[in-house]
């Protein structure tokens, strides 16, 4: 009897919809995972509201083992959801360009009158409070982009390296068991085959694939 495939829930970031995760979802499905996406109003709802909605969605998933992949704000929402309602079925989490340690770009944009509507309350809530603790017993891997191409990077002076929106330093998460950089910008990570391969590697083994030519290790003192 064949084992049930492990489920993977993909969560998009700010200004996006779950449809943008379709290429990544298909690549994870081709790798043998039962992958699907979850969409939410990223600009209009508060962080706690989105986190509660995701926690309810996760609880309804019929699977023995669940992995989570969050891009940007999506990674922060899933961490908040697990803080609100821990789920022992969650084994591994991949955060893609998630500003766990803050966001200079978003902070600077909020100083400009009227731009708070573009940033949205979920991001503002995350920036206004200490980072949510990561769930214990869950392997967390962090992928950061180093191709500095993005709208925020043209408006705000970002520390290098960065992905055009989030800096590598801002993705640092002290509880991550592995971290790696890829040469992709913030949204480009969603379409990068190299990034998808790294996600598959981490979900399968709890570690990223160091032999991948396009991937770069973070030095131990830069460990996210």
N, C-alpha and C. Protein backbone atom coordinates (compact mmCIF):
# COMPACT_ATOMS: atom_id res chain seq x y z
N UNK A 1 0.85 -1.20 0.00
CA UNK A 1 0.00 0.00 0.00
C UNK A 1 0.88 1.25 0.00
N UNK A 2 0.62 2.18 -0.90
CA UNK A 2 1.43 3.38 -0.99
C UNK A 2 1.13 4.34 0.15
N UNK A 3 2.17 4.98 0.65
CA UNK A 3 2.00 5.97 1.71
C UNK A 3 1.32 7.21 1.15
N UNK A 4 0.55 7.88 2.00
CA UNK A 4 -0.11 9.11 1.58
C UNK A 4 0.93 10.19 1.34
N UNK A 5 0.78 10.96 0.28
CA UNK A 5 1.75 12.04 0.04
C UNK A 5 1.66 13.10 1.14
N UNK A 6 2.79 13.69 1.46
CA UNK A 6 2.82 14.75 2.45
C UNK A 6 2.24 16.03 1.83
N UNK A 7 1.44 16.72 2.60
CA UNK A 7 0.80 17.94 2.10
C UNK A 7 1.72 19.14 2.27
N UNK A 8 1.64 20.06 1.33
CA UNK A 8 2.37 21.32 1.40
C UNK A 8 1.38 22.45 1.11
N UNK A 9 1.33 23.42 2.01
CA UNK A 9 0.49 24.60 1.80
C UNK A 9 1.40 25.78 1.46
N UNK A 10 1.11 26.43 0.34
CA UNK A 10 1.88 27.58 -0.11
C UNK A 10 1.10 28.86 0.19
N UNK A 11 1.78 29.83 0.79
CA UNK A 11 1.13 31.08 1.18
C UNK A 11 1.84 32.26 0.52
N UNK A 12 1.11 33.06 -0.23
CA UNK A 12 1.69 34.18 -0.99
C UNK A 12 1.97 35.38 -0.09
N UNK A 13 2.60 36.38 -0.68
CA UNK A 13 2.96 37.59 0.06
C UNK A 13 2.07 38.77 -0.26
N UNK A 14 2.56 39.95 0.08
CA UNK A 14 1.82 41.20 -0.07
C UNK A 14 1.54 41.50 -1.54
N UNK A 15 0.32 42.05 -1.80
CA UNK A 15 -0.11 42.48 -3.14
C UNK A 15 -0.25 41.30 -4.10
N UNK A 16 -0.38 40.10 -3.59
CA UNK A 16 -0.42 38.92 -4.47
C UNK A 16 -1.67 38.09 -4.22
N UNK A 17 -1.84 37.06 -5.06
CA UNK A 17 -2.92 36.09 -4.95
C UNK A 17 -2.31 34.70 -5.09
N UNK A 18 -2.98 33.71 -4.58
CA UNK A 18 -2.45 32.35 -4.64
C UNK A 18 -2.13 31.86 -6.03
N UNK A 19 -2.77 32.44 -7.05
CA UNK A 19 -2.50 32.01 -8.42
C UNK A 19 -1.04 32.20 -8.82
N UNK A 20 -0.38 33.19 -8.21
CA UNK A 20 1.01 33.44 -8.58
C UNK A 20 1.92 32.30 -8.14
N UNK A 21 1.43 31.46 -7.24
CA UNK A 21 2.21 30.32 -6.76
C UNK A 21 2.00 29.07 -7.60
N UNK A 22 1.22 29.16 -8.67
CA UNK A 22 0.93 27.99 -9.49
C UNK A 22 2.17 27.29 -10.03
N UNK A 23 3.16 28.00 -10.60
CA UNK A 23 4.36 27.30 -11.09
C UNK A 23 5.08 26.55 -9.98
N UNK A 24 5.20 27.16 -8.81
CA UNK A 24 5.86 26.49 -7.69
C UNK A 24 5.04 25.31 -7.20
N UNK A 25 3.74 25.48 -7.14
CA UNK A 25 2.88 24.37 -6.71
C UNK A 25 3.03 23.17 -7.65
N UNK A 26 3.09 23.43 -8.94
CA UNK A 26 3.22 22.34 -9.91
C UNK A 26 4.56 21.63 -9.76
N UNK A 27 5.61 22.38 -9.48
CA UNK A 27 6.92 21.77 -9.30
C UNK A 27 6.96 20.90 -8.04
N UNK A 28 6.31 21.35 -6.99
CA UNK A 28 6.26 20.54 -5.77
C UNK A 28 5.39 19.30 -5.98
N UNK A 29 4.31 19.45 -6.74
CA UNK A 29 3.46 18.30 -7.04
C UNK A 29 4.23 17.27 -7.87
N UNK A 30 5.04 17.75 -8.82
CA UNK A 30 5.84 16.85 -9.64
C UNK A 30 6.88 16.11 -8.80
N UNK A 31 7.26 16.71 -7.67
CA UNK A 31 8.23 16.08 -6.77
C UNK A 31 7.56 15.11 -5.80
N UNK A 32 6.24 14.98 -5.89
CA UNK A 32 5.55 13.98 -5.09
C UNK A 32 4.76 14.52 -3.91
N UNK A 33 4.68 15.83 -3.77
CA UNK A 33 3.93 16.41 -2.66
C UNK A 33 2.50 16.74 -3.07
N UNK A 34 1.59 16.67 -2.11
CA UNK A 34 0.21 17.11 -2.32
C UNK A 34 0.18 18.61 -2.03
N UNK A 35 0.50 19.40 -3.03
CA UNK A 35 0.69 20.84 -2.84
C UNK A 35 -0.53 21.64 -3.26
N UNK A 36 -0.88 22.62 -2.46
CA UNK A 36 -1.94 23.54 -2.84
C UNK A 36 -1.68 24.91 -2.22
N UNK A 37 -2.41 25.90 -2.68
CA UNK A 37 -2.18 27.28 -2.24
C UNK A 37 -3.33 27.77 -1.37
N UNK A 38 -3.02 28.80 -0.61
CA UNK A 38 -4.04 29.47 0.21
C UNK A 38 -3.95 30.96 -0.05
N UNK A 39 -5.08 31.58 -0.35
CA UNK A 39 -5.12 33.01 -0.64
C UNK A 39 -5.79 33.77 0.51
N UNK A 40 -5.42 35.02 0.65
CA UNK A 40 -5.96 35.85 1.72
C UNK A 40 -5.84 37.32 1.29
N UNK A 41 -6.61 38.23 1.89
CA UNK A 41 -6.51 39.66 1.56
C UNK A 41 -5.28 40.26 2.24
N UNK A 42 -4.21 40.40 1.52
CA UNK A 42 -2.93 40.76 2.11
C UNK A 42 -2.80 42.24 2.46
N UNK A 43 -3.65 43.09 1.90
CA UNK A 43 -3.50 44.53 2.09
C UNK A 43 -4.55 45.11 3.04
N UNK A 44 -5.69 44.44 3.19
CA UNK A 44 -6.81 45.06 3.91
C UNK A 44 -7.04 44.52 5.32
N UNK A 45 -6.52 43.35 5.64
CA UNK A 45 -6.80 42.77 6.96
C UNK A 45 -5.60 42.82 7.88
N UNK A 46 -5.90 42.81 9.17
CA UNK A 46 -4.84 42.83 10.18
C UNK A 46 -4.16 41.47 10.26
N UNK A 47 -2.97 41.46 10.82
CA UNK A 47 -2.17 40.25 10.90
C UNK A 47 -2.87 39.15 11.67
N UNK A 48 -3.46 39.47 12.82
CA UNK A 48 -4.12 38.46 13.64
C UNK A 48 -5.31 37.84 12.91
N UNK A 49 -6.02 38.64 12.13
CA UNK A 49 -7.17 38.13 11.38
C UNK A 49 -6.73 37.16 10.30
N UNK A 50 -5.69 37.52 9.56
CA UNK A 50 -5.17 36.61 8.54
C UNK A 50 -4.58 35.35 9.16
N UNK A 51 -3.90 35.50 10.29
CA UNK A 51 -3.31 34.34 10.95
C UNK A 51 -4.39 33.38 11.44
N UNK A 52 -5.46 33.91 12.00
CA UNK A 52 -6.56 33.07 12.46
C UNK A 52 -7.21 32.34 11.29
N UNK A 53 -7.38 33.03 10.17
CA UNK A 53 -7.97 32.40 9.00
C UNK A 53 -7.10 31.26 8.48
N UNK A 54 -5.77 31.47 8.49
CA UNK A 54 -4.89 30.40 8.04
C UNK A 54 -4.90 29.24 9.02
N UNK A 55 -4.95 29.52 10.31
CA UNK A 55 -5.00 28.44 11.30
C UNK A 55 -6.23 27.57 11.09
N UNK A 56 -7.35 28.18 10.76
CA UNK A 56 -8.57 27.42 10.50
C UNK A 56 -8.43 26.60 9.22
N UNK A 57 -7.80 27.17 8.21
CA UNK A 57 -7.57 26.43 6.96
C UNK A 57 -6.66 25.24 7.21
N UNK A 58 -5.59 25.45 7.96
CA UNK A 58 -4.65 24.37 8.26
C UNK A 58 -5.33 23.24 9.04
N UNK A 59 -6.16 23.60 10.00
CA UNK A 59 -6.84 22.59 10.81
C UNK A 59 -7.76 21.71 9.97
N UNK A 60 -8.26 22.24 8.86
CA UNK A 60 -9.19 21.49 8.01
C UNK A 60 -8.48 20.59 7.01
N UNK A 61 -7.15 20.67 6.91
CA UNK A 61 -6.40 19.85 5.96
C UNK A 61 -6.38 18.40 6.44
N UNK A 62 -6.76 17.49 5.57
CA UNK A 62 -6.78 16.06 5.90
C UNK A 62 -5.44 15.45 5.50
N UNK A 63 -4.50 15.48 6.41
CA UNK A 63 -3.16 14.94 6.14
C UNK A 63 -2.48 14.61 7.45
N UNK A 64 -1.62 13.59 7.40
CA UNK A 64 -0.87 13.21 8.59
C UNK A 64 0.35 14.09 8.79
N UNK A 65 0.96 14.51 7.68
CA UNK A 65 2.14 15.37 7.73
C UNK A 65 1.91 16.57 6.83
N UNK A 66 2.21 17.75 7.37
CA UNK A 66 2.01 18.99 6.61
C UNK A 66 3.29 19.82 6.66
N UNK A 67 3.67 20.34 5.50
CA UNK A 67 4.77 21.30 5.41
C UNK A 67 4.18 22.63 4.95
N UNK A 68 4.84 23.72 5.32
CA UNK A 68 4.37 25.05 4.96
C UNK A 68 5.46 25.82 4.24
N UNK A 69 5.07 26.54 3.20
CA UNK A 69 6.01 27.39 2.46
C UNK A 69 5.38 28.77 2.35
N UNK A 70 6.05 29.77 2.92
CA UNK A 70 5.52 31.12 2.89
C UNK A 70 6.45 32.08 2.20
N UNK A 71 5.90 32.89 1.31
CA UNK A 71 6.70 33.91 0.62
C UNK A 71 6.43 35.27 1.25
N UNK A 72 7.49 35.94 1.68
CA UNK A 72 7.39 37.30 2.21
C UNK A 72 6.40 37.36 3.37
N UNK A 73 5.37 38.20 3.27
CA UNK A 73 4.38 38.31 4.33
C UNK A 73 3.72 36.97 4.64
N UNK A 74 3.58 36.11 3.63
CA UNK A 74 2.96 34.81 3.85
C UNK A 74 3.68 33.99 4.90
N UNK A 75 5.02 34.08 4.93
CA UNK A 75 5.77 33.35 5.93
C UNK A 75 5.50 33.86 7.33
N UNK A 76 5.32 35.17 7.47
CA UNK A 76 5.04 35.75 8.78
C UNK A 76 3.64 35.35 9.26
N UNK A 77 2.70 35.30 8.34
CA UNK A 77 1.33 34.92 8.70
C UNK A 77 1.27 33.48 9.17
N UNK A 78 1.96 32.57 8.49
CA UNK A 78 1.89 31.18 8.93
C UNK A 78 2.58 30.99 10.28
N UNK A 79 3.64 31.74 10.56
CA UNK A 79 4.28 31.66 11.88
C UNK A 79 3.33 32.17 12.96
N UNK A 80 2.63 33.26 12.69
CA UNK A 80 1.65 33.78 13.64
C UNK A 80 0.52 32.79 13.86
N UNK A 81 0.10 32.13 12.79
CA UNK A 81 -0.98 31.14 12.90
C UNK A 81 -0.58 29.99 13.81
N UNK A 82 0.64 29.50 13.66
CA UNK A 82 1.10 28.39 14.51
C UNK A 82 1.33 28.84 15.94
N UNK A 83 1.63 30.11 16.13
CA UNK A 83 1.75 30.65 17.50
C UNK A 83 0.38 30.70 18.17
N UNK A 84 -0.65 31.04 17.39
CA UNK A 84 -2.01 31.10 17.91
C UNK A 84 -2.57 29.71 18.15
N UNK A 85 -2.32 28.81 17.20
CA UNK A 85 -2.88 27.46 17.27
C UNK A 85 -1.84 26.45 16.78
N UNK A 86 -1.00 25.94 17.67
CA UNK A 86 0.02 24.95 17.26
C UNK A 86 -0.62 23.72 16.63
N UNK A 87 0.06 23.16 15.64
CA UNK A 87 -0.43 21.96 14.95
C UNK A 87 0.71 20.95 14.89
N UNK A 88 0.59 19.85 15.62
CA UNK A 88 1.69 18.87 15.67
C UNK A 88 1.97 18.17 14.35
N UNK A 89 1.11 18.32 13.37
CA UNK A 89 1.34 17.68 12.07
C UNK A 89 2.36 18.45 11.23
N UNK A 90 2.59 19.71 11.57
CA UNK A 90 3.52 20.53 10.79
C UNK A 90 4.95 20.10 11.11
N UNK A 91 5.66 19.68 10.07
CA UNK A 91 7.02 19.16 10.26
C UNK A 91 8.09 20.15 9.81
N UNK A 92 7.90 20.76 8.64
CA UNK A 92 8.93 21.67 8.12
C UNK A 92 8.28 22.91 7.52
N UNK A 93 9.02 24.02 7.64
CA UNK A 93 8.58 25.31 7.11
C UNK A 93 9.71 25.93 6.31
N UNK A 94 9.38 26.46 5.14
CA UNK A 94 10.34 27.23 4.36
C UNK A 94 9.82 28.67 4.26
N UNK A 95 10.67 29.61 4.65
CA UNK A 95 10.37 31.03 4.55
C UNK A 95 11.16 31.59 3.37
N UNK A 96 10.47 32.17 2.40
CA UNK A 96 11.11 32.73 1.20
C UNK A 96 11.04 34.25 1.25
N UNK A 97 12.16 34.88 1.49
CA UNK A 97 12.18 36.34 1.50
C UNK A 97 11.26 36.96 2.54
N UNK A 98 11.02 36.26 3.63
CA UNK A 98 10.16 36.79 4.70
C UNK A 98 10.97 37.69 5.63
N UNK A 99 10.56 38.93 5.84
CA UNK A 99 11.32 39.85 6.69
C UNK A 99 11.11 39.60 8.17
N UNK A 100 11.56 38.46 8.64
CA UNK A 100 11.33 38.06 10.03
C UNK A 100 11.91 39.09 11.00
N UNK A 101 13.06 39.65 10.66
CA UNK A 101 13.75 40.57 11.57
C UNK A 101 13.47 42.04 11.28
N UNK A 102 12.42 42.31 10.52
CA UNK A 102 12.06 43.69 10.23
C UNK A 102 12.20 44.02 8.76
N UNK A 103 11.73 45.19 8.38
CA UNK A 103 11.78 45.61 6.98
C UNK A 103 12.07 47.10 6.89
N UNK A 104 13.28 47.44 6.50
CA UNK A 104 13.65 48.84 6.32
C UNK A 104 12.79 49.47 5.22
N UNK A 105 12.57 48.71 4.15
CA UNK A 105 11.78 49.23 3.05
C UNK A 105 10.38 49.62 3.47
N UNK A 106 9.69 48.70 4.18
CA UNK A 106 8.33 48.99 4.62
C UNK A 106 8.30 50.12 5.64
N UNK A 107 9.27 50.12 6.55
CA UNK A 107 9.33 51.17 7.57
C UNK A 107 9.49 52.55 6.95
N UNK A 108 10.37 52.65 5.95
CA UNK A 108 10.57 53.94 5.29
C UNK A 108 9.35 54.36 4.47
N UNK A 109 8.71 53.40 3.82
CA UNK A 109 7.52 53.74 3.04
C UNK A 109 6.39 54.24 3.93
N UNK A 110 6.31 53.71 5.16
CA UNK A 110 5.25 54.13 6.08
C UNK A 110 5.41 55.58 6.52
N UNK A 111 6.61 56.12 6.35
CA UNK A 111 6.83 57.52 6.71
C UNK A 111 6.30 58.49 5.64
N UNK A 112 5.96 57.95 4.49
CA UNK A 112 5.45 58.78 3.39
C UNK A 112 3.93 58.84 3.49
N UNK A 113 3.35 60.03 3.60
CA UNK A 113 1.89 60.14 3.72
C UNK A 113 1.15 59.41 2.59
N UNK A 114 0.18 58.59 3.00
CA UNK A 114 -0.64 57.88 2.04
C UNK A 114 -0.16 56.50 1.67
N UNK A 115 1.12 56.21 1.89
CA UNK A 115 1.65 54.91 1.47
C UNK A 115 1.34 53.79 2.46
N UNK A 116 0.83 54.13 3.63
CA UNK A 116 0.46 53.08 4.58
C UNK A 116 -0.63 52.18 4.01
N UNK A 117 -1.45 52.74 3.10
CA UNK A 117 -2.49 51.94 2.47
C UNK A 117 -1.89 50.87 1.57
N UNK A 118 -0.72 51.13 1.00
CA UNK A 118 -0.07 50.15 0.14
C UNK A 118 0.61 49.06 0.97
N UNK A 119 1.14 49.45 2.12
CA UNK A 119 1.83 48.48 2.97
C UNK A 119 0.83 47.56 3.66
N UNK A 120 -0.29 48.12 4.11
CA UNK A 120 -1.34 47.32 4.71
C UNK A 120 -1.14 47.07 6.19
N UNK A 121 -2.22 46.75 6.91
CA UNK A 121 -2.15 46.57 8.36
C UNK A 121 -1.39 45.33 8.81
N UNK A 122 -1.38 44.27 8.01
CA UNK A 122 -0.67 43.05 8.44
C UNK A 122 0.82 43.31 8.60
N UNK A 123 1.42 43.98 7.61
CA UNK A 123 2.85 44.31 7.70
C UNK A 123 3.09 45.28 8.85
N UNK A 124 2.22 46.26 9.00
CA UNK A 124 2.38 47.23 10.08
C UNK A 124 2.30 46.55 11.44
N UNK A 125 1.41 45.59 11.60
CA UNK A 125 1.29 44.87 12.86
C UNK A 125 2.57 44.10 13.18
N UNK A 126 3.17 43.46 12.15
CA UNK A 126 4.40 42.70 12.37
C UNK A 126 5.54 43.64 12.80
N UNK A 127 5.64 44.78 12.16
CA UNK A 127 6.72 45.72 12.46
C UNK A 127 6.56 46.36 13.84
N UNK A 128 5.33 46.42 14.33
CA UNK A 128 5.05 47.12 15.58
C UNK A 128 5.28 46.26 16.82
N UNK A 129 5.52 44.98 16.64
CA UNK A 129 5.66 44.07 17.78
C UNK A 129 6.91 43.22 17.62
N UNK A 130 7.39 42.62 18.72
CA UNK A 130 8.54 41.70 18.60
C UNK A 130 8.17 40.52 17.70
N UNK A 131 9.15 39.93 17.01
CA UNK A 131 8.86 38.77 16.16
C UNK A 131 8.21 37.64 16.94
N UNK A 132 7.26 36.99 16.32
CA UNK A 132 6.59 35.85 16.95
C UNK A 132 7.57 34.69 17.06
N UNK A 133 7.62 34.00 18.21
CA UNK A 133 8.52 32.84 18.33
C UNK A 133 8.17 31.76 17.32
N UNK A 134 9.18 31.08 16.85
CA UNK A 134 8.95 29.98 15.91
C UNK A 134 8.42 28.76 16.66
N UNK A 135 7.62 27.94 16.01
CA UNK A 135 7.04 26.77 16.68
C UNK A 135 8.12 25.76 17.06
N UNK A 136 8.13 25.27 18.28
CA UNK A 136 9.14 24.28 18.69
C UNK A 136 8.95 22.95 17.98
N UNK A 137 10.06 22.27 17.71
CA UNK A 137 9.99 20.96 17.09
C UNK A 137 9.75 20.97 15.60
N UNK A 138 9.78 22.14 14.98
CA UNK A 138 9.55 22.26 13.54
C UNK A 138 10.84 22.73 12.87
N UNK A 139 11.25 22.04 11.80
CA UNK A 139 12.43 22.46 11.04
C UNK A 139 12.08 23.68 10.20
N UNK A 140 12.88 24.72 10.33
CA UNK A 140 12.63 25.95 9.57
C UNK A 140 13.83 26.25 8.69
N UNK A 141 13.58 26.42 7.40
CA UNK A 141 14.61 26.80 6.46
C UNK A 141 14.29 28.15 5.84
N UNK A 142 15.32 28.95 5.62
CA UNK A 142 15.13 30.30 5.10
C UNK A 142 15.86 30.47 3.78
N UNK A 143 15.15 30.97 2.78
CA UNK A 143 15.74 31.30 1.48
C UNK A 143 15.68 32.81 1.30
N UNK A 144 16.83 33.40 1.00
CA UNK A 144 16.90 34.84 0.77
C UNK A 144 17.42 35.11 -0.64
N UNK A 145 16.88 36.12 -1.29
CA UNK A 145 17.31 36.48 -2.63
C UNK A 145 18.40 37.54 -2.61
N UNK A 146 19.25 37.51 -3.64
CA UNK A 146 20.36 38.47 -3.71
C UNK A 146 20.37 39.29 -5.00
N UNK A 147 19.33 39.16 -5.82
CA UNK A 147 19.25 39.96 -7.05
C UNK A 147 18.48 41.23 -6.73
N UNK A 148 19.19 42.33 -6.57
CA UNK A 148 18.60 43.58 -6.06
C UNK A 148 17.82 44.31 -7.14
N UNK A 149 16.69 43.76 -7.49
CA UNK A 149 15.84 44.37 -8.51
C UNK A 149 14.41 44.41 -7.99
N UNK A 150 13.91 45.61 -7.71
CA UNK A 150 12.56 45.73 -7.20
C UNK A 150 12.18 47.18 -6.97
N UNK A 151 10.88 47.44 -6.91
CA UNK A 151 10.39 48.81 -6.78
C UNK A 151 10.86 49.46 -5.49
N UNK A 152 10.80 48.71 -4.38
CA UNK A 152 11.18 49.29 -3.10
C UNK A 152 12.64 49.71 -3.12
N UNK A 153 13.47 48.88 -3.76
CA UNK A 153 14.89 49.19 -3.83
C UNK A 153 15.20 50.45 -4.61
N UNK A 154 14.28 50.86 -5.47
CA UNK A 154 14.47 52.12 -6.21
C UNK A 154 14.02 53.33 -5.40
N UNK A 155 13.19 53.10 -4.38
CA UNK A 155 12.67 54.19 -3.57
C UNK A 155 13.40 54.34 -2.24
N UNK A 156 13.95 53.24 -1.75
CA UNK A 156 14.58 53.21 -0.43
C UNK A 156 15.98 52.64 -0.56
N UNK A 157 16.91 53.18 0.17
CA UNK A 157 18.28 52.67 0.16
C UNK A 157 18.34 51.42 1.03
N UNK A 158 18.50 50.27 0.41
CA UNK A 158 18.52 49.00 1.12
C UNK A 158 19.95 48.50 1.30
N UNK A 159 20.20 47.90 2.45
CA UNK A 159 21.51 47.28 2.70
C UNK A 159 21.71 46.11 1.75
N UNK A 160 22.92 45.97 1.25
CA UNK A 160 23.26 44.82 0.40
C UNK A 160 23.78 43.68 1.28
N UNK A 161 23.52 42.44 0.83
CA UNK A 161 22.72 42.03 -0.33
C UNK A 161 21.22 42.09 -0.02
N UNK A 162 20.44 42.22 -1.08
CA UNK A 162 18.99 42.26 -0.93
C UNK A 162 18.34 41.76 -2.22
N UNK A 163 17.03 41.55 -2.15
CA UNK A 163 16.30 41.04 -3.32
C UNK A 163 15.47 42.12 -4.00
N UNK A 164 15.79 43.39 -3.69
CA UNK A 164 15.04 44.49 -4.25
C UNK A 164 13.93 44.98 -3.35
N UNK A 165 13.58 44.18 -2.34
CA UNK A 165 12.54 44.56 -1.38
C UNK A 165 12.98 44.25 0.05
N UNK A 166 13.51 43.06 0.25
CA UNK A 166 13.93 42.59 1.58
C UNK A 166 15.42 42.28 1.55
N UNK A 167 16.15 42.71 2.58
CA UNK A 167 17.58 42.40 2.66
C UNK A 167 17.79 41.01 3.23
N UNK A 168 18.94 40.44 2.93
CA UNK A 168 19.28 39.13 3.49
C UNK A 168 19.28 39.19 5.01
N UNK A 169 19.81 40.27 5.58
CA UNK A 169 19.85 40.42 7.03
C UNK A 169 18.45 40.41 7.63
N UNK A 170 17.48 40.97 6.93
CA UNK A 170 16.11 41.04 7.45
C UNK A 170 15.42 39.68 7.45
N UNK A 171 15.92 38.74 6.70
CA UNK A 171 15.32 37.40 6.69
C UNK A 171 15.84 36.52 7.82
N UNK A 172 16.82 37.01 8.57
CA UNK A 172 17.43 36.19 9.61
C UNK A 172 16.39 35.77 10.65
N UNK A 173 16.41 34.47 10.95
CA UNK A 173 15.50 33.89 11.94
C UNK A 173 16.35 33.02 12.86
N UNK A 174 16.47 33.35 14.13
CA UNK A 174 17.39 32.64 15.02
C UNK A 174 17.08 31.17 15.20
N UNK A 175 15.84 30.76 14.95
CA UNK A 175 15.46 29.37 15.15
C UNK A 175 15.55 28.53 13.87
N UNK A 176 16.00 29.13 12.78
CA UNK A 176 16.13 28.37 11.53
C UNK A 176 17.26 27.35 11.66
N UNK A 177 17.03 26.16 11.13
CA UNK A 177 18.06 25.13 11.16
C UNK A 177 18.92 25.15 9.91
N UNK A 178 18.50 25.89 8.87
CA UNK A 178 19.31 26.03 7.67
C UNK A 178 18.88 27.30 6.94
N UNK A 179 19.82 27.88 6.20
CA UNK A 179 19.55 29.10 5.45
C UNK A 179 20.45 29.14 4.23
N UNK A 180 19.91 29.71 3.16
CA UNK A 180 20.67 29.75 1.92
C UNK A 180 20.22 30.97 1.11
N UNK A 181 21.09 31.43 0.21
CA UNK A 181 20.70 32.51 -0.69
C UNK A 181 20.65 31.99 -2.12
N UNK A 182 19.77 32.59 -2.91
CA UNK A 182 19.68 32.28 -4.34
C UNK A 182 19.71 33.59 -5.11
N UNK A 183 20.23 33.54 -6.33
CA UNK A 183 20.31 34.76 -7.14
C UNK A 183 18.96 34.97 -7.82
N UNK A 184 18.06 35.58 -7.08
CA UNK A 184 16.72 35.89 -7.59
C UNK A 184 16.23 37.12 -6.85
N UNK A 185 15.35 37.88 -7.49
CA UNK A 185 14.76 39.00 -6.77
C UNK A 185 13.54 38.53 -6.00
N UNK A 186 12.86 39.48 -5.35
CA UNK A 186 11.82 39.10 -4.39
C UNK A 186 10.71 38.26 -5.03
N UNK A 187 10.14 38.74 -6.11
CA UNK A 187 9.07 37.97 -6.76
C UNK A 187 9.63 36.87 -7.65
N UNK A 188 10.85 37.05 -8.14
CA UNK A 188 11.46 36.04 -9.00
C UNK A 188 11.67 34.70 -8.33
N UNK A 189 11.77 34.71 -7.00
CA UNK A 189 11.92 33.45 -6.27
C UNK A 189 10.76 32.50 -6.54
N UNK A 190 9.59 33.07 -6.79
CA UNK A 190 8.40 32.24 -7.00
C UNK A 190 8.46 31.46 -8.30
N UNK A 191 9.26 31.93 -9.25
CA UNK A 191 9.34 31.29 -10.56
C UNK A 191 10.68 30.61 -10.81
N UNK A 192 11.59 30.70 -9.86
CA UNK A 192 12.93 30.15 -10.01
C UNK A 192 12.95 28.64 -9.81
N UNK A 193 13.46 27.92 -10.81
CA UNK A 193 13.59 26.47 -10.67
C UNK A 193 14.59 26.13 -9.57
N UNK A 194 15.67 26.91 -9.49
CA UNK A 194 16.66 26.66 -8.44
C UNK A 194 16.05 26.80 -7.06
N UNK A 195 15.19 27.80 -6.89
CA UNK A 195 14.52 28.00 -5.62
C UNK A 195 13.57 26.84 -5.32
N UNK A 196 12.82 26.40 -6.32
CA UNK A 196 11.92 25.27 -6.15
C UNK A 196 12.68 24.01 -5.76
N UNK A 197 13.84 23.80 -6.40
CA UNK A 197 14.66 22.63 -6.07
C UNK A 197 15.14 22.70 -4.62
N UNK A 198 15.48 23.90 -4.16
CA UNK A 198 15.92 24.05 -2.78
C UNK A 198 14.77 23.77 -1.81
N UNK A 199 13.59 24.19 -2.15
CA UNK A 199 12.43 23.92 -1.30
C UNK A 199 12.18 22.42 -1.21
N UNK A 200 12.23 21.74 -2.35
CA UNK A 200 12.04 20.29 -2.35
C UNK A 200 13.09 19.61 -1.48
N UNK A 201 14.33 20.04 -1.61
CA UNK A 201 15.41 19.46 -0.81
C UNK A 201 15.14 19.63 0.68
N UNK A 202 14.74 20.82 1.08
CA UNK A 202 14.51 21.06 2.51
C UNK A 202 13.30 20.28 3.03
N UNK A 203 12.23 20.25 2.25
CA UNK A 203 11.05 19.52 2.70
C UNK A 203 11.32 18.03 2.83
N UNK A 204 12.19 17.50 1.98
CA UNK A 204 12.51 16.08 2.04
C UNK A 204 13.51 15.73 3.14
N UNK A 205 14.50 16.59 3.34
CA UNK A 205 15.64 16.22 4.19
C UNK A 205 15.87 17.14 5.38
N UNK A 206 15.25 18.30 5.40
CA UNK A 206 15.52 19.26 6.46
C UNK A 206 16.78 20.07 6.23
N UNK A 207 17.32 20.01 5.00
CA UNK A 207 18.53 20.77 4.66
C UNK A 207 18.46 21.18 3.20
N UNK A 208 19.11 22.29 2.89
CA UNK A 208 19.20 22.74 1.51
C UNK A 208 20.33 22.02 0.79
N UNK A 209 20.27 22.04 -0.54
CA UNK A 209 21.23 21.30 -1.37
C UNK A 209 22.43 22.19 -1.67
N UNK A 210 23.54 21.90 -1.01
CA UNK A 210 24.72 22.74 -1.17
C UNK A 210 25.43 22.54 -2.50
N UNK A 211 25.15 21.44 -3.20
CA UNK A 211 25.84 21.21 -4.47
C UNK A 211 25.24 22.02 -5.61
N UNK A 212 24.09 22.69 -5.36
CA UNK A 212 23.46 23.48 -6.40
C UNK A 212 24.31 24.69 -6.72
N UNK A 213 24.67 24.84 -7.99
CA UNK A 213 25.61 25.89 -8.38
C UNK A 213 25.09 27.29 -8.13
N UNK A 214 23.77 27.48 -8.20
CA UNK A 214 23.22 28.81 -8.04
C UNK A 214 22.95 29.18 -6.59
N UNK A 215 23.20 28.25 -5.68
CA UNK A 215 22.95 28.52 -4.27
C UNK A 215 24.23 28.90 -3.56
N UNK A 216 24.12 29.72 -2.56
CA UNK A 216 25.27 30.16 -1.79
C UNK A 216 24.99 29.96 -0.31
N UNK A 217 25.97 29.40 0.39
CA UNK A 217 25.84 29.26 1.84
C UNK A 217 25.94 30.61 2.52
N UNK A 218 25.23 30.75 3.63
CA UNK A 218 25.49 31.85 4.53
C UNK A 218 26.53 31.38 5.53
N UNK A 219 27.52 32.21 5.80
CA UNK A 219 28.55 31.83 6.75
C UNK A 219 27.93 31.61 8.12
N UNK A 220 28.57 30.78 8.99
CA UNK A 220 27.96 30.45 10.28
C UNK A 220 27.49 31.67 11.08
N UNK A 221 28.28 32.76 11.08
CA UNK A 221 27.87 33.93 11.87
C UNK A 221 26.73 34.69 11.20
N UNK A 222 26.39 34.31 9.96
CA UNK A 222 25.26 34.93 9.27
C UNK A 222 24.05 34.01 9.27
N UNK A 223 24.17 32.90 9.99
CA UNK A 223 23.09 31.92 9.98
C UNK A 223 21.78 32.57 10.37
N UNK A 224 20.77 32.32 9.59
CA UNK A 224 19.48 32.95 9.82
C UNK A 224 18.77 32.25 10.97
